[in-house]
Amino acid sequence: MTIRSSTIASRLPGTQPKVALATAVSLLLMAILAPLAQFGVLKTLIVPADATATTSNIAASLGLLQAAIVAFLIVAILDVVVAWGFYVLLRPVNEWLARLVGSLRVGYAALFAFALLNLVDAAGLVHSATGTAAQSGPLQAQVAAAVASFDTGWHLALGIFGLHLVGLGALLFRFAAPRLLAILVVLAGIGYLADSLGTMFVPGYGLTISTFTFVGEALLIFWLFRRAGQGLRSSEAVVAAARTSSAAAS
């Protein structure tokens, strides 16, 4: 049976809008930080199949790599906040599925943070190298291996994230969110799953399906802000009405 969102909101009139707002703000911050770190830093420093260029780029812009690592770490922490937010919002629909969906996002965040340690290693290797050692073959091989391990770990984590989005879309559909939004969130999850499995199991896989299916994630942020705004206005109206009634009774 589908539970209407208005019914759910009425059960926790003060909590639901605040949780929706916290979740929306966290997602928005992630949507800013993650692309900056990935496309603004990593894509400019890491040259696929060229360990020499990658090591030289990192040595020349070590501060940028360290900033990207911090940004990614913040994203991983915010993922846990978002997992909690969706669990609180959607558990009235299906407690078990909401718990599973939240756990998948936490698992993704943990695996991503673990993979991030490889970038920390790469930065540390370059930072500790001096003189000609910075251009040595062994150092370049170590840096390349650390970067490759990060990439592998991240793609594995994205597969878990894809499963999270598929489950989230199913919950949103039953939550009486716009059906198009629920479908687009599921498609975003399928895109991440396809890229993750393709990268790990298909030799020479070069597609990035998720760059075309991420629309659901973006729309989800706007929907959460809209829902939070409506809920906060509704809560304020209830409080104002209660105060008016109390004043009239006295």
C-alpha atoms as a PDB file:
ATOM      1  CA  MET A   1       0.000   0.000   0.000  1.00  0.00           C
ATOM      2  CA  THR A   2       1.352   3.431  -0.907  1.00  0.00           C
ATOM      3  CA  ILE A   3       1.576   5.888   1.955  1.00  0.00           C
ATOM      4  CA  ARG A   4       0.847   9.424   0.921  1.00  0.00           C
ATOM      5  CA  SER A   5       3.567  11.953   1.701  1.00  0.00           C
ATOM      6  CA  SER A   6       1.056  14.275   3.371  1.00  0.00           C
ATOM      7  CA  THR A   7       0.129  11.496   5.812  1.00  0.00           C
ATOM      8  CA  ILE A   8       3.767  10.840   6.623  1.00  0.00           C
ATOM      9  CA  ALA A   9       4.534  14.517   7.101  1.00  0.00           C
ATOM     10  CA  SER A  10       1.633  14.905   9.517  1.00  0.00           C
ATOM     11  CA  ARG A  11       3.154  12.296  11.828  1.00  0.00           C
ATOM     12  CA  LEU A  12       6.318  14.335  12.382  1.00  0.00           C
ATOM     13  CA  PRO A  13       5.337  17.896  11.429  1.00  0.00           C
ATOM     14  CA  GLY A  14       8.354  19.524  13.065  1.00  0.00           C
ATOM     15  CA  THR A  15      10.992  16.950  12.210  1.00  0.00           C
ATOM     16  CA  GLN A  16      10.339  16.015   8.594  1.00  0.00           C
ATOM     17  CA  PRO A  17      10.871  19.485   7.029  1.00  0.00           C
ATOM     18  CA  LYS A  18      14.088  20.027   8.997  1.00  0.00           C
ATOM     19  CA  VAL A  19      15.426  16.626   7.994  1.00  0.00           C
ATOM     20  CA  ALA A  20      14.506  17.295   4.357  1.00  0.00           C
ATOM     21  CA  LEU A  21      16.322  20.636   4.527  1.00  0.00           C
ATOM     22  CA  ALA A  22      19.443  19.121   6.106  1.00  0.00           C
ATOM     23  CA  THR A  23      19.474  16.396   3.470  1.00  0.00           C
ATOM     24  CA  ALA A  24      19.026  18.885   0.626  1.00  0.00           C
ATOM     25  CA  VAL A  25      21.808  21.161   1.900  1.00  0.00           C
ATOM     26  CA  SER A  26      24.150  18.179   2.289  1.00  0.00           C
ATOM     27  CA  LEU A  27      23.409  16.988  -1.243  1.00  0.00           C
ATOM     28  CA  LEU A  28      23.941  20.483  -2.622  1.00  0.00           C
ATOM     29  CA  LEU A  29      27.330  20.789  -0.912  1.00  0.00           C
ATOM     30  CA  MET A  30      28.298  17.382  -2.277  1.00  0.00           C
ATOM     31  CA  ALA A  31      27.195  18.416  -5.768  1.00  0.00           C
ATOM     32  CA  ILE A  32      29.615  21.349  -5.538  1.00  0.00           C
ATOM     33  CA  LEU A  33      32.597  19.713  -3.842  1.00  0.00           C
ATOM     34  CA  ALA A  34      32.722  16.393  -5.693  1.00  0.00           C
ATOM     35  CA  PRO A  35      32.902  17.817  -9.262  1.00  0.00           C
ATOM     36  CA  LEU A  36      35.461  20.414  -8.179  1.00  0.00           C
ATOM     37  CA  ALA A  37      37.681  17.725  -6.697  1.00  0.00           C
ATOM     38  CA  GLN A  38      37.156  15.228  -9.517  1.00  0.00           C
ATOM     39  CA  PHE A  39      37.094  17.362 -12.650  1.00  0.00           C
ATOM     40  CA  GLY A  40      38.840  20.466 -11.364  1.00  0.00           C
ATOM     41  CA  VAL A  41      41.765  18.632  -9.761  1.00  0.00           C
ATOM     42  CA  LEU A  42      42.101  14.898 -10.405  1.00  0.00           C
ATOM     43  CA  LYS A  43      41.335  15.097 -14.114  1.00  0.00           C
ATOM     44  CA  THR A  44      44.000  17.777 -14.531  1.00  0.00           C
ATOM     45  CA  LEU A  45      46.684  16.035 -12.462  1.00  0.00           C
ATOM     46  CA  ILE A  46      46.240  12.375 -13.346  1.00  0.00           C
ATOM     47  CA  VAL A  47      47.271  11.351 -16.849  1.00  0.00           C
ATOM     48  CA  PRO A  48      46.094   7.798 -17.641  1.00  0.00           C
ATOM     49  CA  ALA A  49      48.901   5.389 -18.541  1.00  0.00           C
ATOM     50  CA  ASP A  50      51.567   8.070 -17.961  1.00  0.00           C
ATOM     51  CA  ALA A  51      53.129   7.682 -14.541  1.00  0.00           C
ATOM     52  CA  THR A  52      55.829  10.249 -15.272  1.00  0.00           C
ATOM     53  CA  ALA A  53      53.386  13.021 -16.164  1.00  0.00           C
ATOM     54  CA  THR A  54      51.093  12.136 -13.266  1.00  0.00           C
ATOM     55  CA  THR A  55      53.926  12.261 -10.726  1.00  0.00           C
ATOM     56  CA  SER A  56      55.236  15.538 -12.144  1.00  0.00           C
ATOM     57  CA  ASN A  57      51.753  17.092 -12.065  1.00  0.00           C
ATOM     58  CA  ILE A  58      51.197  16.047  -8.458  1.00  0.00           C
ATOM     59  CA  ALA A  59      54.623  17.367  -7.441  1.00  0.00           C
ATOM     60  CA  ALA A  60      53.860  20.707  -9.083  1.00  0.00           C
ATOM     61  CA  SER A  61      50.359  20.974  -7.575  1.00  0.00           C
ATOM     62  CA  LEU A  62      50.564  18.994  -4.348  1.00  0.00           C
ATOM     63  CA  GLY A  63      48.428  21.539  -2.502  1.00  0.00           C
ATOM     64  CA  LEU A  64      45.616  21.078  -5.023  1.00  0.00           C
ATOM     65  CA  LEU A  65      45.655  17.305  -4.561  1.00  0.00           C
ATOM     66  CA  GLN A  66      45.555  17.697  -0.792  1.00  0.00           C
ATOM     67  CA  ALA A  67      42.617  20.103  -1.113  1.00  0.00           C
ATOM     68  CA  ALA A  68      40.809  17.581  -3.325  1.00  0.00           C
ATOM     69  CA  ILE A  69      41.385  14.863  -0.726  1.00  0.00           C
ATOM     70  CA  VAL A  70      39.865  17.072   1.980  1.00  0.00           C
ATOM     71  CA  ALA A  71      36.895  17.862  -0.290  1.00  0.00           C
ATOM     72  CA  PHE A  72      36.336  14.164  -0.958  1.00  0.00           C
ATOM     73  CA  LEU A  73      36.532  13.413   2.762  1.00  0.00           C
ATOM     74  CA  ILE A  74      33.862  16.038   3.455  1.00  0.00           C
ATOM     75  CA  VAL A  75      31.723  14.448   0.732  1.00  0.00           C
ATOM     76  CA  ALA A  76      32.069  11.031   2.390  1.00  0.00           C
ATOM     77  CA  ILE A  77      30.966  12.501   5.735  1.00  0.00           C
ATOM     78  CA  LEU A  78      28.016  14.261   4.108  1.00  0.00           C
ATOM     79  CA  ASP A  79      27.025  10.946   2.511  1.00  0.00           C
ATOM     80  CA  VAL A  80      26.465   9.571   6.014  1.00  0.00           C
ATOM     81  CA  VAL A  81      24.308  12.601   6.867  1.00  0.00           C
ATOM     82  CA  VAL A  82      22.280  12.062   3.679  1.00  0.00           C
ATOM     83  CA  ALA A  83      21.884   8.346   4.462  1.00  0.00           C
ATOM     84  CA  TRP A  84      20.454   9.270   7.857  1.00  0.00           C
ATOM     85  CA  GLY A  85      18.176  11.900   6.322  1.00  0.00           C
ATOM     86  CA  PHE A  86      16.644   9.575   3.757  1.00  0.00           C
ATOM     87  CA  TYR A  87      16.164   6.908   6.406  1.00  0.00           C
ATOM     88  CA  VAL A  88      14.250   9.301   8.668  1.00  0.00           C
ATOM     89  CA  LEU A  89      12.153  10.622   5.775  1.00  0.00           C
ATOM     90  CA  LEU A  90      11.315   7.284   4.182  1.00  0.00           C
ATOM     91  CA  ARG A  91      11.153   4.766   7.011  1.00  0.00           C
ATOM     92  CA  PRO A  92       7.356   5.202   7.389  1.00  0.00           C
ATOM     93  CA  VAL A  93       7.040   3.774   3.854  1.00  0.00           C
ATOM     94  CA  ASN A  94       9.052   0.629   4.514  1.00  0.00           C
ATOM     95  CA  GLU A  95      11.289   0.400   7.579  1.00  0.00           C
ATOM     96  CA  TRP A  96      13.353  -2.521   6.282  1.00  0.00           C
ATOM     97  CA  LEU A  97      13.959  -1.086   2.824  1.00  0.00           C
ATOM     98  CA  ALA A  98      14.737   2.373   4.209  1.00  0.00           C
ATOM     99  CA  ARG A  99      17.308   0.816   6.540  1.00  0.00           C
ATOM    100  CA  LEU A 100      18.842  -1.154   3.660  1.00  0.00           C
ATOM    101  CA  VAL A 101      18.989   1.909   1.402  1.00  0.00           C
ATOM    102  CA  GLY A 102      20.628   3.955   4.155  1.00  0.00           C
ATOM    103  CA  SER A 103      23.112   1.169   4.926  1.00  0.00           C
ATOM    104  CA  LEU A 104      24.120   0.952   1.268  1.00  0.00           C
ATOM    105  CA  ARG A 105      24.960   4.661   1.212  1.00  0.00           C
ATOM    106  CA  VAL A 106      26.942   4.387   4.438  1.00  0.00           C
ATOM    107  CA  GLY A 107      28.755   1.377   2.969  1.00  0.00           C
ATOM    108  CA  TYR A 108      29.525   3.378  -0.154  1.00  0.00           C
ATOM    109  CA  ALA A 109      30.879   6.261   1.926  1.00  0.00           C
ATOM    110  CA  ALA A 110      33.072   3.922   3.983  1.00  0.00           C
ATOM    111  CA  LEU A 111      34.486   2.173   0.917  1.00  0.00           C
ATOM    112  CA  PHE A 112      35.089   5.497  -0.822  1.00  0.00           C
ATOM    113  CA  ALA A 113      36.890   6.869   2.257  1.00  0.00           C
ATOM    114  CA  PHE A 114      39.023   3.722   2.345  1.00  0.00           C
ATOM    115  CA  ALA A 115      39.884   4.150  -1.350  1.00  0.00           C
ATOM    116  CA  LEU A 116      40.751   7.773  -0.623  1.00  0.00           C
ATOM    117  CA  LEU A 117      43.657   6.571   1.513  1.00  0.00           C
ATOM    118  CA  ASN A 118      45.411   5.659  -1.732  1.00  0.00           C
ATOM    119  CA  LEU A 119      45.413   9.312  -2.799  1.00  0.00           C
ATOM    120  CA  VAL A 120      46.775  10.191   0.633  1.00  0.00           C
ATOM    121  CA  ASP A 121      49.577   7.685   0.003  1.00  0.00           C
ATOM    122  CA  ALA A 122      50.282   9.177  -3.434  1.00  0.00           C
ATOM    123  CA  ALA A 123      50.484  12.689  -1.979  1.00  0.00           C
ATOM    124  CA  GLY A 124      52.718  11.464   0.832  1.00  0.00           C
ATOM    125  CA  LEU A 125      55.087   9.701  -1.556  1.00  0.00           C
ATOM    126  CA  VAL A 126      55.516  12.800  -3.691  1.00  0.00           C
ATOM    127  CA  HIS A 127      55.817  15.088  -0.658  1.00  0.00           C
ATOM    128  CA  SER A 128      58.580  12.981   0.907  1.00  0.00           C
ATOM    129  CA  ALA A 129      60.587  12.694  -2.331  1.00  0.00           C
ATOM    130  CA  THR A 130      63.381  15.197  -2.856  1.00  0.00           C
ATOM    131  CA  GLY A 131      65.719  16.038  -5.715  1.00  0.00           C
ATOM    132  CA  THR A 132      66.206  13.371  -8.342  1.00  0.00           C
ATOM    133  CA  ALA A 133      64.190  10.900  -6.253  1.00  0.00           C
ATOM    134  CA  ALA A 134      61.054  12.776  -7.299  1.00  0.00           C
ATOM    135  CA  GLN A 135      61.642  11.685 -10.886  1.00  0.00           C
ATOM    136  CA  SER A 136      62.762   8.129 -10.162  1.00  0.00           C
ATOM    137  CA  GLY A 137      61.089   5.176 -11.808  1.00  0.00           C
ATOM    138  CA  PRO A 138      60.250   3.371  -8.530  1.00  0.00           C
ATOM    139  CA  LEU A 139      58.524   6.454  -7.120  1.00  0.00           C
ATOM    140  CA  GLN A 140      56.502   6.963 -10.298  1.00  0.00           C
ATOM    141  CA  ALA A 141      55.443   3.313 -10.234  1.00  0.00           C
ATOM    142  CA  GLN A 142      54.321   3.629  -6.605  1.00  0.00           C
ATOM    143  CA  VAL A 143      52.349   6.778  -7.335  1.00  0.00           C
ATOM    144  CA  ALA A 144      50.720   5.162 -10.380  1.00  0.00           C
ATOM    145  CA  ALA A 145      49.807   2.090  -8.322  1.00  0.00           C
ATOM    146  CA  ALA A 146      48.255   4.248  -5.580  1.00  0.00           C
ATOM    147  CA  VAL A 147      46.209   6.216  -8.112  1.00  0.00           C
ATOM    148  CA  ALA A 148      45.073   2.990  -9.813  1.00  0.00           C
ATOM    149  CA  SER A 149      44.027   1.519  -6.453  1.00  0.00           C
ATOM    150  CA  PHE A 150      42.007   4.636  -5.698  1.00  0.00           C
ATOM    151  CA  ASP A 151      40.289   4.413  -9.072  1.00  0.00           C
ATOM    152  CA  THR A 152      39.456   0.723  -8.583  1.00  0.00           C
ATOM    153  CA  GLY A 153      38.106   1.292  -5.083  1.00  0.00           C
ATOM    154  CA  TRP A 154      36.000   4.236  -6.196  1.00  0.00           C
ATOM    155  CA  HIS A 155      34.431   2.319  -9.074  1.00  0.00           C
ATOM    156  CA  LEU A 156      33.600  -0.538  -6.726  1.00  0.00           C
ATOM    157  CA  ALA A 157      32.046   1.951  -4.308  1.00  0.00           C
ATOM    158  CA  LEU A 158      30.007   3.508  -7.136  1.00  0.00           C
ATOM    159  CA  GLY A 159      28.416   0.111  -7.759  1.00  0.00           C
ATOM    160  CA  ILE A 160      27.137   0.127  -4.174  1.00  0.00           C
ATOM    161  CA  PHE A 161      26.010   3.721  -4.631  1.00  0.00           C
ATOM    162  CA  GLY A 162      24.082   2.650  -7.726  1.00  0.00           C
ATOM    163  CA  LEU A 163      22.234   0.007  -5.710  1.00  0.00           C
ATOM    164  CA  HIS A 164      21.441   2.669  -3.117  1.00  0.00           C
ATOM    165  CA  LEU A 165      19.867   4.923  -5.760  1.00  0.00           C
ATOM    166  CA  VAL A 166      17.799   2.080  -7.216  1.00  0.00           C
ATOM    167  CA  GLY A 167      16.390   1.321  -3.756  1.00  0.00           C
ATOM    168  CA  LEU A 168      15.897   5.014  -3.053  1.00  0.00           C
ATOM    169  CA  GLY A 169      13.939   5.415  -6.267  1.00  0.00           C
ATOM    170  CA  ALA A 170      11.677   2.517  -5.259  1.00  0.00           C
ATOM    171  CA  LEU A 171      11.040   4.156  -1.893  1.00  0.00           C
ATOM    172  CA  LEU A 172      10.345   7.532  -3.492  1.00  0.00           C
ATOM    173  CA  PHE A 173       7.804   5.916  -5.789  1.00  0.00           C
ATOM    174  CA  ARG A 174       5.917   4.528  -2.795  1.00  0.00           C
ATOM    175  CA  PHE A 175       6.392   7.808  -0.911  1.00  0.00           C
ATOM    176  CA  ALA A 176       4.194   9.479  -3.522  1.00  0.00           C
ATOM    177  CA  ALA A 177       7.019  11.666  -4.799  1.00  0.00           C
ATOM    178  CA  PRO A 178       6.675  12.656  -8.465  1.00  0.00           C
ATOM    179  CA  ARG A 179       6.866   9.442 -10.451  1.00  0.00           C
ATOM    180  CA  LEU A 180       9.228  10.964 -12.985  1.00  0.00           C
ATOM    181  CA  LEU A 181      11.640  11.842 -10.173  1.00  0.00           C
ATOM    182  CA  ALA A 182      11.532   8.303  -8.790  1.00  0.00           C
ATOM    183  CA  ILE A 183      12.177   6.859 -12.256  1.00  0.00           C
ATOM    184  CA  LEU A 184      15.068   9.244 -12.920  1.00  0.00           C
ATOM    185  CA  VAL A 185      16.679   8.349  -9.570  1.00  0.00           C
ATOM    186  CA  VAL A 186      16.461   4.653 -10.481  1.00  0.00           C
ATOM    187  CA  LEU A 187      18.006   5.394 -13.885  1.00  0.00           C
ATOM    188  CA  ALA A 188      20.834   7.292 -12.188  1.00  0.00           C
ATOM    189  CA  GLY A 189      21.484   4.219 -10.064  1.00  0.00           C
ATOM    190  CA  ILE A 190      21.490   1.964 -13.106  1.00  0.00           C
ATOM    191  CA  GLY A 191      23.983   4.301 -14.773  1.00  0.00           C
ATOM    192  CA  TYR A 192      26.409   4.036 -11.855  1.00  0.00           C
ATOM    193  CA  LEU A 193      25.956   0.261 -11.740  1.00  0.00           C
ATOM    194  CA  ALA A 194      26.651  -0.073 -15.456  1.00  0.00           C
ATOM    195  CA  ASP A 195      29.798   2.055 -15.244  1.00  0.00           C
ATOM    196  CA  SER A 196      31.030   0.214 -12.164  1.00  0.00           C
ATOM    197  CA  LEU A 197      30.523  -3.269 -13.587  1.00  0.00           C
ATOM    198  CA  GLY A 198      31.780  -2.222 -17.008  1.00  0.00           C
ATOM    199  CA  THR A 199      34.994  -0.756 -15.612  1.00  0.00           C
ATOM    200  CA  MET A 200      35.695  -3.823 -13.485  1.00  0.00           C
ATOM    201  CA  PHE A 201      34.732  -6.611 -15.876  1.00  0.00           C
ATOM    202  CA  VAL A 202      34.783  -5.285 -19.451  1.00  0.00           C
ATOM    203  CA  PRO A 203      38.286  -4.816 -20.913  1.00  0.00           C
ATOM    204  CA  GLY A 204      38.741  -1.386 -22.459  1.00  0.00           C
ATOM    205  CA  TYR A 205      35.424  -0.110 -21.100  1.00  0.00           C
ATOM    206  CA  GLY A 206      35.326   3.604 -21.864  1.00  0.00           C
ATOM    207  CA  LEU A 207      31.692   4.581 -21.417  1.00  0.00           C
ATOM    208  CA  THR A 208      30.452   6.976 -18.749  1.00  0.00           C
ATOM    209  CA  ILE A 209      26.736   6.301 -18.719  1.00  0.00           C
ATOM    210  CA  SER A 210      26.345   8.025 -15.363  1.00  0.00           C
ATOM    211  CA  THR A 211      27.191  11.402 -16.935  1.00  0.00           C
ATOM    212  CA  PHE A 212      23.889  11.150 -18.821  1.00  0.00           C
ATOM    213  CA  THR A 213      21.738   9.568 -16.108  1.00  0.00           C
ATOM    214  CA  PHE A 214      22.618  11.800 -13.130  1.00  0.00           C
ATOM    215  CA  VAL A 215      19.642  14.114 -13.754  1.00  0.00           C
ATOM    216  CA  GLY A 216      17.573  12.372 -11.095  1.00  0.00           C
ATOM    217  CA  GLU A 217      20.147  13.258  -8.436  1.00  0.00           C
ATOM    218  CA  ALA A 218      19.999  16.950  -9.335  1.00  0.00           C
ATOM    219  CA  LEU A 219      16.199  17.032  -9.361  1.00  0.00           C
ATOM    220  CA  LEU A 220      16.155  15.237  -6.014  1.00  0.00           C
ATOM    221  CA  ILE A 221      17.903  18.214  -4.416  1.00  0.00           C
ATOM    222  CA  PHE A 222      15.294  20.663  -5.713  1.00  0.00           C
ATOM    223  CA  TRP A 223      12.463  18.376  -4.628  1.00  0.00           C
ATOM    224  CA  LEU A 224      13.871  18.143  -1.096  1.00  0.00           C
ATOM    225  CA  PHE A 225      14.229  21.937  -0.848  1.00  0.00           C
ATOM    226  CA  ARG A 226      10.653  22.365  -2.068  1.00  0.00           C
ATOM    227  CA  ARG A 227       9.352  19.769   0.365  1.00  0.00           C
ATOM    228  CA  ALA A 228      11.292  21.342   3.229  1.00  0.00           C
ATOM    229  CA  GLY A 229       9.907  24.789   2.407  1.00  0.00           C
ATOM    230  CA  GLN A 230       6.338  23.527   2.243  1.00  0.00           C
ATOM    231  CA  GLY A 231       6.733  21.617   5.494  1.00  0.00           C
ATOM    232  CA  LEU A 232       8.277  24.525   7.378  1.00  0.00           C
ATOM    233  CA  ARG A 233       5.514  26.878   6.226  1.00  0.00           C
ATOM    234  CA  SER A 234       2.917  24.300   7.263  1.00  0.00           C
ATOM    235  CA  SER A 235       4.525  23.900  10.696  1.00  0.00           C
ATOM    236  CA  GLU A 236       4.605  27.663  11.195  1.00  0.00           C
ATOM    237  CA  ALA A 237       0.920  27.870  10.278  1.00  0.00           C
ATOM    238  CA  VAL A 238       0.060  25.143  12.793  1.00  0.00           C
ATOM    239  CA  VAL A 239       2.017  26.918  15.550  1.00  0.00           C
ATOM    240  CA  ALA A 240       0.416  30.264  14.704  1.00  0.00           C
ATOM    241  CA  ALA A 241      -3.049  28.728  14.764  1.00  0.00           C
ATOM    242  CA  ALA A 242      -2.351  27.073  18.103  1.00  0.00           C
ATOM    243  CA  ARG A 243      -1.166  30.368  19.599  1.00  0.00           C
ATOM    244  CA  THR A 244      -4.241  32.176  18.292  1.00  0.00           C
ATOM    245  CA  SER A 245      -6.528  29.509  19.733  1.00  0.00           C
ATOM    246  CA  SER A 246      -4.719  29.633  23.084  1.00  0.00           C
ATOM    247  CA  ALA A 247      -4.949  33.427  23.207  1.00  0.00           C
ATOM    248  CA  ALA A 248      -8.663  33.334  22.392  1.00  0.00           C
ATOM    249  CA  ALA A 249      -9.335  30.739  25.077  1.00  0.00           C
ATOM    250  CA  SER A 250      -7.574  32.819  27.711  1.00  0.00           C
END
